[in-house]
Amino acid sequence: MECIIVADDEQKIRKLVGDFLRKSGYSVLEAENGDEAYSLFIENKNSISLLILDIMMPGLNGWEVTRKIRESSDVPVILLSARSEEFDVLTGYENGADDYVTKPFSPGILVKRVEALLRRSNQGTVSTGEKQLSELIFNDKAHEVRLDGKEIELTLKEYNILKKFLEAPGRVFSREQLLDSVWGYDFTGDVRTVDSHVARLRTKLGDWGNKHLKTVYGIGYKIEES
């Protein structure tokens, strides 16, 4: 049974979301603040499939919890907030969130978004074998990326962006194509989130990233083989 952490300082919202998730077959752990949510995640790291985090919580806020989780895990995260300004949405995605839901919301639709996100997350680990490009080895079967023999820790979005590039070295992918492929057609955020994810991916890949991961100005990005 997939386990989901629901964190919100409003008990009514935690219960409402938790009840809908349990009726849909999920196991739920509830937290009333950000610190508790992060502690629950660390204690149950290997069994957590997804987190639903309110942004404005006591202690660590939802952005901060997401950022800390992204230091060691690519588990999907949905942020909840009564704030719908572009800045707030972009901040959520730039800190590593996978989806952003504004209050008030339909619990039934939230569950469907959970199902869709978990489905896309699971699809990202389907085995398609191993691919090598100079010093980089991409093993989709093991969901592993190695550079000069050292494993590189990537978030799920960074991993899937790299996978998309490696499917067609030399091909230029527009930001819109990457959004549709990696985030899904129902993504409502800004294309600039692609830029921030590609920038982090390039940084993590170091000299290899600077050499092979190229920006095609005015169009998008590509992987160069040489």
C-alpha atoms as a PDB file:
ATOM      1  CA  MET A   1       0.000   0.000   0.000  1.00  0.00           C
ATOM      2  CA  GLU A   2       1.404   3.388  -1.002  1.00  0.00           C
ATOM      3  CA  CYS A   3       1.903   5.766   1.929  1.00  0.00           C
ATOM      4  CA  ILE A   4       1.301   9.520   1.727  1.00  0.00           C
ATOM      5  CA  ILE A   5       2.208  12.239   4.228  1.00  0.00           C
ATOM      6  CA  VAL A   6      -0.420  14.986   4.589  1.00  0.00           C
ATOM      7  CA  ALA A   7       0.834  18.077   6.413  1.00  0.00           C
ATOM      8  CA  ASP A   8      -1.389  21.042   7.237  1.00  0.00           C
ATOM      9  CA  ASP A   9      -1.826  23.073  10.424  1.00  0.00           C
ATOM     10  CA  GLU A  10      -5.611  22.980   9.917  1.00  0.00           C
ATOM     11  CA  GLN A  11      -6.898  19.727  11.395  1.00  0.00           C
ATOM     12  CA  LYS A  12     -10.089  19.803   9.304  1.00  0.00           C
ATOM     13  CA  ILE A  13      -8.116  19.891   6.062  1.00  0.00           C
ATOM     14  CA  ARG A  14      -5.797  17.077   7.211  1.00  0.00           C
ATOM     15  CA  LYS A  15      -8.787  14.905   8.081  1.00  0.00           C
ATOM     16  CA  LEU A  16     -10.665  15.727   4.872  1.00  0.00           C
ATOM     17  CA  VAL A  17      -7.691  14.951   2.607  1.00  0.00           C
ATOM     18  CA  GLY A  18      -6.680  11.937   4.691  1.00  0.00           C
ATOM     19  CA  ASP A  19     -10.178  10.428   4.578  1.00  0.00           C
ATOM     20  CA  PHE A  20     -10.387  10.765   0.785  1.00  0.00           C
ATOM     21  CA  LEU A  21      -6.931   9.220   0.336  1.00  0.00           C
ATOM     22  CA  ARG A  22      -7.727   6.296   2.657  1.00  0.00           C
ATOM     23  CA  LYS A  23     -10.975   5.615   0.792  1.00  0.00           C
ATOM     24  CA  SER A  24      -8.885   5.457  -2.387  1.00  0.00           C
ATOM     25  CA  GLY A  25      -6.627   2.785  -0.904  1.00  0.00           C
ATOM     26  CA  TYR A  26      -3.692   4.821   0.380  1.00  0.00           C
ATOM     27  CA  SER A  27      -2.053   4.732   3.790  1.00  0.00           C
ATOM     28  CA  VAL A  28      -1.811   8.213   5.344  1.00  0.00           C
ATOM     29  CA  LEU A  29       0.481   9.817   7.929  1.00  0.00           C
ATOM     30  CA  GLU A  30      -0.640  13.237   9.206  1.00  0.00           C
ATOM     31  CA  ALA A  31       1.528  16.125  10.396  1.00  0.00           C
ATOM     32  CA  GLU A  32       0.392  19.459  11.844  1.00  0.00           C
ATOM     33  CA  ASN A  33       3.555  21.433  10.998  1.00  0.00           C
ATOM     34  CA  GLY A  34       6.576  21.371   8.726  1.00  0.00           C
ATOM     35  CA  ASP A  35       9.029  20.033  11.284  1.00  0.00           C
ATOM     36  CA  GLU A  36       6.768  17.078  12.026  1.00  0.00           C
ATOM     37  CA  ALA A  37       6.263  16.420   8.320  1.00  0.00           C
ATOM     38  CA  TYR A  38      10.015  16.328   7.674  1.00  0.00           C
ATOM     39  CA  SER A  39      10.614  14.093  10.702  1.00  0.00           C
ATOM     40  CA  LEU A  40       7.905  11.671   9.507  1.00  0.00           C
ATOM     41  CA  PHE A  41       9.533  11.574   6.084  1.00  0.00           C
ATOM     42  CA  ILE A  42      13.006  10.831   7.492  1.00  0.00           C
ATOM     43  CA  GLU A  43      11.653   8.133   9.814  1.00  0.00           C
ATOM     44  CA  ASN A  44       9.663   6.433   7.026  1.00  0.00           C
ATOM     45  CA  LYS A  45      11.759   7.434   4.006  1.00  0.00           C
ATOM     46  CA  ASN A  46      11.715   4.054   2.269  1.00  0.00           C
ATOM     47  CA  SER A  47       7.934   3.687   2.473  1.00  0.00           C
ATOM     48  CA  ILE A  48       6.728   7.206   1.541  1.00  0.00           C
ATOM     49  CA  SER A  49       5.322   7.475  -1.987  1.00  0.00           C
ATOM     50  CA  LEU A  50       4.237  11.145  -1.961  1.00  0.00           C
ATOM     51  CA  LEU A  51       3.836  14.194   0.284  1.00  0.00           C
ATOM     52  CA  ILE A  52       1.051  16.793   0.349  1.00  0.00           C
ATOM     53  CA  LEU A  53       2.320  19.913   2.130  1.00  0.00           C
ATOM     54  CA  ASP A  54       0.589  23.141   3.063  1.00  0.00           C
ATOM     55  CA  ILE A  55       2.932  26.066   2.429  1.00  0.00           C
ATOM     56  CA  MET A  56       2.113  28.299   5.398  1.00  0.00           C
ATOM     57  CA  MET A  57       2.772  26.035   8.389  1.00  0.00           C
ATOM     58  CA  PRO A  58       4.438  26.664  11.763  1.00  0.00           C
ATOM     59  CA  GLY A  59       8.125  25.814  11.905  1.00  0.00           C
ATOM     60  CA  LEU A  60       9.419  24.792   8.506  1.00  0.00           C
ATOM     61  CA  ASN A  61       7.069  25.993   5.775  1.00  0.00           C
ATOM     62  CA  GLY A  62       6.093  23.839   2.801  1.00  0.00           C
ATOM     63  CA  TRP A  63       8.772  25.366   0.550  1.00  0.00           C
ATOM     64  CA  GLU A  64      11.479  24.643   3.133  1.00  0.00           C
ATOM     65  CA  VAL A  65      10.327  21.063   3.713  1.00  0.00           C
ATOM     66  CA  THR A  66      10.325  20.439  -0.039  1.00  0.00           C
ATOM     67  CA  ARG A  67      13.815  21.891  -0.412  1.00  0.00           C
ATOM     68  CA  LYS A  68      15.173  19.719   2.426  1.00  0.00           C
ATOM     69  CA  ILE A  69      13.544  16.598   0.968  1.00  0.00           C
ATOM     70  CA  ARG A  70      15.078  17.332  -2.442  1.00  0.00           C
ATOM     71  CA  GLU A  71      18.531  17.131  -0.882  1.00  0.00           C
ATOM     72  CA  SER A  72      18.165  13.359  -0.671  1.00  0.00           C
ATOM     73  CA  SER A  73      14.995  12.211  -2.447  1.00  0.00           C
ATOM     74  CA  ASP A  74      12.933  12.613  -5.632  1.00  0.00           C
ATOM     75  CA  VAL A  75       9.668  11.529  -3.956  1.00  0.00           C
ATOM     76  CA  PRO A  76       6.737  13.483  -5.487  1.00  0.00           C
ATOM     77  CA  VAL A  77       5.525  16.554  -3.575  1.00  0.00           C
ATOM     78  CA  ILE A  78       2.246  18.458  -3.947  1.00  0.00           C
ATOM     79  CA  LEU A  79       2.023  21.894  -2.325  1.00  0.00           C
ATOM     80  CA  LEU A  80      -1.245  23.324  -0.987  1.00  0.00           C
ATOM     81  CA  SER A  81      -1.784  27.051  -0.559  1.00  0.00           C
ATOM     82  CA  ALA A  82      -4.435  29.754  -0.438  1.00  0.00           C
ATOM     83  CA  ARG A  83      -1.920  31.905  -2.332  1.00  0.00           C
ATOM     84  CA  SER A  84      -2.169  31.704  -6.112  1.00  0.00           C
ATOM     85  CA  GLU A  85       0.161  34.532  -7.207  1.00  0.00           C
ATOM     86  CA  GLU A  86       2.687  33.612  -9.894  1.00  0.00           C
ATOM     87  CA  PHE A  87       5.592  34.206  -7.495  1.00  0.00           C
ATOM     88  CA  ASP A  88       4.242  31.671  -5.002  1.00  0.00           C
ATOM     89  CA  VAL A  89       3.625  29.029  -7.669  1.00  0.00           C
ATOM     90  CA  LEU A  90       7.071  29.502  -9.243  1.00  0.00           C
ATOM     91  CA  THR A  91       8.745  29.400  -5.826  1.00  0.00           C
ATOM     92  CA  GLY A  92       7.082  26.057  -5.187  1.00  0.00           C
ATOM     93  CA  TYR A  93       8.327  24.541  -8.432  1.00  0.00           C
ATOM     94  CA  GLU A  94      11.797  26.036  -8.074  1.00  0.00           C
ATOM     95  CA  ASN A  95      12.116  24.412  -4.645  1.00  0.00           C
ATOM     96  CA  GLY A  96      11.351  21.026  -6.206  1.00  0.00           C
ATOM     97  CA  ALA A  97       7.574  20.610  -5.947  1.00  0.00           C
ATOM     98  CA  ASP A  98       5.848  18.490  -8.597  1.00  0.00           C
ATOM     99  CA  ASP A  99       2.386  20.068  -8.389  1.00  0.00           C
ATOM    100  CA  TYR A 100       0.667  23.083  -6.807  1.00  0.00           C
ATOM    101  CA  VAL A 101      -2.961  23.138  -5.663  1.00  0.00           C
ATOM    102  CA  THR A 102      -4.696  26.314  -4.498  1.00  0.00           C
ATOM    103  CA  LYS A 103      -7.302  26.431  -1.722  1.00  0.00           C
ATOM    104  CA  PRO A 104     -10.206  25.920  -1.740  1.00  0.00           C
ATOM    105  CA  PHE A 105      -9.936  22.691  -3.696  1.00  0.00           C
ATOM    106  CA  SER A 106     -11.938  19.571  -4.425  1.00  0.00           C
ATOM    107  CA  PRO A 107     -10.601  16.591  -2.393  1.00  0.00           C
ATOM    108  CA  GLY A 108     -11.754  14.252  -5.143  1.00  0.00           C
ATOM    109  CA  ILE A 109      -9.785  16.131  -7.779  1.00  0.00           C
ATOM    110  CA  LEU A 110      -6.769  16.266  -5.452  1.00  0.00           C
ATOM    111  CA  VAL A 111      -6.862  12.462  -5.229  1.00  0.00           C
ATOM    112  CA  LYS A 112      -6.931  12.242  -9.031  1.00  0.00           C
ATOM    113  CA  ARG A 113      -3.889  14.511  -9.199  1.00  0.00           C
ATOM    114  CA  VAL A 114      -2.161  12.244  -6.674  1.00  0.00           C
ATOM    115  CA  GLU A 115      -2.955   9.223  -8.836  1.00  0.00           C
ATOM    116  CA  ALA A 116      -1.681  10.944 -11.989  1.00  0.00           C
ATOM    117  CA  LEU A 117       1.525  12.089 -10.297  1.00  0.00           C
ATOM    118  CA  LEU A 118       2.252   8.640  -8.884  1.00  0.00           C
ATOM    119  CA  ARG A 119       1.550   7.101 -12.276  1.00  0.00           C
ATOM    120  CA  ARG A 120       4.012   9.453 -13.993  1.00  0.00           C
ATOM    121  CA  SER A 121       6.549   8.881 -11.226  1.00  0.00           C
ATOM    122  CA  ASN A 122       6.334   5.114 -11.643  1.00  0.00           C
ATOM    123  CA  GLN A 123       6.599   5.412 -15.425  1.00  0.00           C
ATOM    124  CA  GLY A 124       9.858   7.256 -14.961  1.00  0.00           C
ATOM    125  CA  THR A 125      11.471   4.082 -13.636  1.00  0.00           C
ATOM    126  CA  VAL A 126      10.444   1.722 -16.449  1.00  0.00           C
ATOM    127  CA  SER A 127      13.468  -0.183 -17.675  1.00  0.00           C
ATOM    128  CA  THR A 128      14.800   0.739 -21.094  1.00  0.00           C
ATOM    129  CA  GLY A 129      18.364  -0.470 -20.543  1.00  0.00           C
ATOM    130  CA  GLU A 130      21.662   1.356 -20.250  1.00  0.00           C
ATOM    131  CA  LYS A 131      23.016   4.242 -22.306  1.00  0.00           C
ATOM    132  CA  GLN A 132      26.541   5.668 -22.247  1.00  0.00           C
ATOM    133  CA  LEU A 133      27.758   9.025 -23.495  1.00  0.00           C
ATOM    134  CA  SER A 134      31.498   9.500 -22.937  1.00  0.00           C
ATOM    135  CA  GLU A 135      32.046   9.371 -19.135  1.00  0.00           C
ATOM    136  CA  LEU A 136      28.309   9.303 -18.278  1.00  0.00           C
ATOM    137  CA  ILE A 137      26.390   6.053 -17.852  1.00  0.00           C
ATOM    138  CA  PHE A 138      22.576   6.239 -17.655  1.00  0.00           C
ATOM    139  CA  ASN A 139      21.027   3.008 -16.348  1.00  0.00           C
ATOM    140  CA  ASP A 140      17.239   3.239 -16.476  1.00  0.00           C
ATOM    141  CA  LYS A 141      16.786  -0.286 -15.172  1.00  0.00           C
ATOM    142  CA  ALA A 142      18.555   0.638 -11.945  1.00  0.00           C
ATOM    143  CA  HIS A 143      17.291   4.253 -12.095  1.00  0.00           C
ATOM    144  CA  GLU A 144      20.912   5.317 -11.743  1.00  0.00           C
ATOM    145  CA  VAL A 145      23.225   7.899 -13.302  1.00  0.00           C
ATOM    146  CA  ARG A 146      27.000   7.539 -12.968  1.00  0.00           C
ATOM    147  CA  LEU A 147      29.696   9.967 -14.042  1.00  0.00           C
ATOM    148  CA  ASP A 148      33.331   8.839 -13.978  1.00  0.00           C
ATOM    149  CA  GLY A 149      32.133   5.882 -11.891  1.00  0.00           C
ATOM    150  CA  LYS A 150      30.463   8.064  -9.231  1.00  0.00           C
ATOM    151  CA  GLU A 151      26.696   8.000  -8.756  1.00  0.00           C
ATOM    152  CA  ILE A 152      25.001  11.375  -9.337  1.00  0.00           C
ATOM    153  CA  GLU A 153      21.983  12.150  -7.152  1.00  0.00           C
ATOM    154  CA  LEU A 154      19.205  13.655  -9.287  1.00  0.00           C
ATOM    155  CA  THR A 155      15.620  14.576  -8.514  1.00  0.00           C
ATOM    156  CA  LEU A 156      12.937  12.778 -10.504  1.00  0.00           C
ATOM    157  CA  LYS A 157      12.428  15.803 -12.782  1.00  0.00           C
ATOM    158  CA  GLU A 158      16.178  16.174 -13.414  1.00  0.00           C
ATOM    159  CA  TYR A 159      16.447  12.441 -14.110  1.00  0.00           C
ATOM    160  CA  ASN A 160      13.574  12.496 -16.612  1.00  0.00           C
ATOM    161  CA  ILE A 161      14.947  15.603 -18.355  1.00  0.00           C
ATOM    162  CA  LEU A 162      18.303  13.865 -18.795  1.00  0.00           C
ATOM    163  CA  LYS A 163      16.520  10.714 -19.992  1.00  0.00           C
ATOM    164  CA  LYS A 164      14.633  12.762 -22.600  1.00  0.00           C
ATOM    165  CA  PHE A 165      17.856  14.322 -23.898  1.00  0.00           C
ATOM    166  CA  LEU A 166      19.625  10.957 -24.086  1.00  0.00           C
ATOM    167  CA  GLU A 167      16.777   9.439 -26.106  1.00  0.00           C
ATOM    168  CA  ALA A 168      17.811  11.686 -29.007  1.00  0.00           C
ATOM    169  CA  PRO A 169      21.329  13.152 -28.673  1.00  0.00           C
ATOM    170  CA  GLY A 170      21.755  16.197 -30.875  1.00  0.00           C
ATOM    171  CA  ARG A 171      18.033  16.952 -31.058  1.00  0.00           C
ATOM    172  CA  VAL A 172      16.900  20.321 -29.726  1.00  0.00           C
ATOM    173  CA  PHE A 173      13.985  20.148 -27.286  1.00  0.00           C
ATOM    174  CA  SER A 174      11.955  23.289 -26.702  1.00  0.00           C
ATOM    175  CA  ARG A 175      10.920  24.269 -23.182  1.00  0.00           C
ATOM    176  CA  GLU A 176       7.308  23.499 -24.100  1.00  0.00           C
ATOM    177  CA  GLN A 177       8.244  19.989 -25.300  1.00  0.00           C
ATOM    178  CA  LEU A 178      10.105  19.317 -22.051  1.00  0.00           C
ATOM    179  CA  LEU A 179       7.159  20.601 -20.008  1.00  0.00           C
ATOM    180  CA  ASP A 180       4.728  18.317 -21.836  1.00  0.00           C
ATOM    181  CA  SER A 181       7.016  15.287 -21.602  1.00  0.00           C
ATOM    182  CA  VAL A 182       8.344  15.635 -18.050  1.00  0.00           C
ATOM    183  CA  TRP A 183       5.654  17.624 -16.211  1.00  0.00           C
ATOM    184  CA  GLY A 184       2.624  16.482 -18.219  1.00  0.00           C
ATOM    185  CA  TYR A 185       0.045  18.253 -20.350  1.00  0.00           C
ATOM    186  CA  ASP A 186      -1.932  19.375 -17.296  1.00  0.00           C
ATOM    187  CA  PHE A 187       0.970  21.396 -15.876  1.00  0.00           C
ATOM    188  CA  THR A 188      -0.104  25.007 -15.286  1.00  0.00           C
ATOM    189  CA  GLY A 189       3.221  26.560 -14.294  1.00  0.00           C
ATOM    190  CA  ASP A 190       5.630  28.737 -16.251  1.00  0.00           C
ATOM    191  CA  VAL A 191       8.173  27.460 -18.800  1.00  0.00           C
ATOM    192  CA  ARG A 192      10.881  29.126 -16.719  1.00  0.00           C
ATOM    193  CA  THR A 193      10.721  26.188 -14.340  1.00  0.00           C
ATOM    194  CA  VAL A 194      12.419  24.185 -17.128  1.00  0.00           C
ATOM    195  CA  ASP A 195      15.324  26.639 -17.097  1.00  0.00           C
ATOM    196  CA  SER A 196      15.864  26.261 -13.349  1.00  0.00           C
ATOM    197  CA  HIS A 197      15.753  22.455 -13.522  1.00  0.00           C
ATOM    198  CA  VAL A 198      18.154  22.296 -16.477  1.00  0.00           C
ATOM    199  CA  ALA A 199      20.513  24.703 -14.694  1.00  0.00           C
ATOM    200  CA  ARG A 200      20.579  22.465 -11.602  1.00  0.00           C
ATOM    201  CA  LEU A 201      21.065  19.380 -13.772  1.00  0.00           C
ATOM    202  CA  ARG A 202      24.007  21.009 -15.563  1.00  0.00           C
ATOM    203  CA  THR A 203      25.571  21.992 -12.232  1.00  0.00           C
ATOM    204  CA  LYS A 204      25.254  18.459 -10.845  1.00  0.00           C
ATOM    205  CA  LEU A 205      26.902  17.056 -13.987  1.00  0.00           C
ATOM    206  CA  GLY A 206      29.864  19.412 -13.573  1.00  0.00           C
ATOM    207  CA  ASP A 207      32.366  19.659 -16.431  1.00  0.00           C
ATOM    208  CA  TRP A 208      30.480  16.958 -18.346  1.00  0.00           C
ATOM    209  CA  GLY A 209      27.300  19.017 -18.129  1.00  0.00           C
ATOM    210  CA  ASN A 210      29.024  22.200 -19.273  1.00  0.00           C
ATOM    211  CA  LYS A 211      30.516  20.315 -22.223  1.00  0.00           C
ATOM    212  CA  HIS A 212      27.507  18.293 -23.371  1.00  0.00           C
ATOM    213  CA  LEU A 213      24.324  20.004 -22.113  1.00  0.00           C
ATOM    214  CA  LYS A 214      23.861  22.972 -24.416  1.00  0.00           C
ATOM    215  CA  THR A 215      21.438  25.879 -24.512  1.00  0.00           C
ATOM    216  CA  VAL A 216      20.102  26.719 -27.969  1.00  0.00           C
ATOM    217  CA  TYR A 217      19.147  30.341 -27.438  1.00  0.00           C
ATOM    218  CA  GLY A 218      15.601  31.226 -28.328  1.00  0.00           C
ATOM    219  CA  ILE A 219      14.652  27.552 -28.743  1.00  0.00           C
ATOM    220  CA  GLY A 220      15.584  25.222 -25.884  1.00  0.00           C
ATOM    221  CA  TYR A 221      18.196  22.631 -24.954  1.00  0.00           C
ATOM    222  CA  LYS A 222      20.051  19.614 -26.309  1.00  0.00           C
ATOM    223  CA  ILE A 223      22.715  17.027 -25.463  1.00  0.00           C
ATOM    224  CA  GLU A 224      25.755  17.097 -27.724  1.00  0.00           C
ATOM    225  CA  GLU A 225      27.572  13.808 -28.284  1.00  0.00           C
ATOM    226  CA  SER A 226      30.979  15.410 -28.774  1.00  0.00           C
END
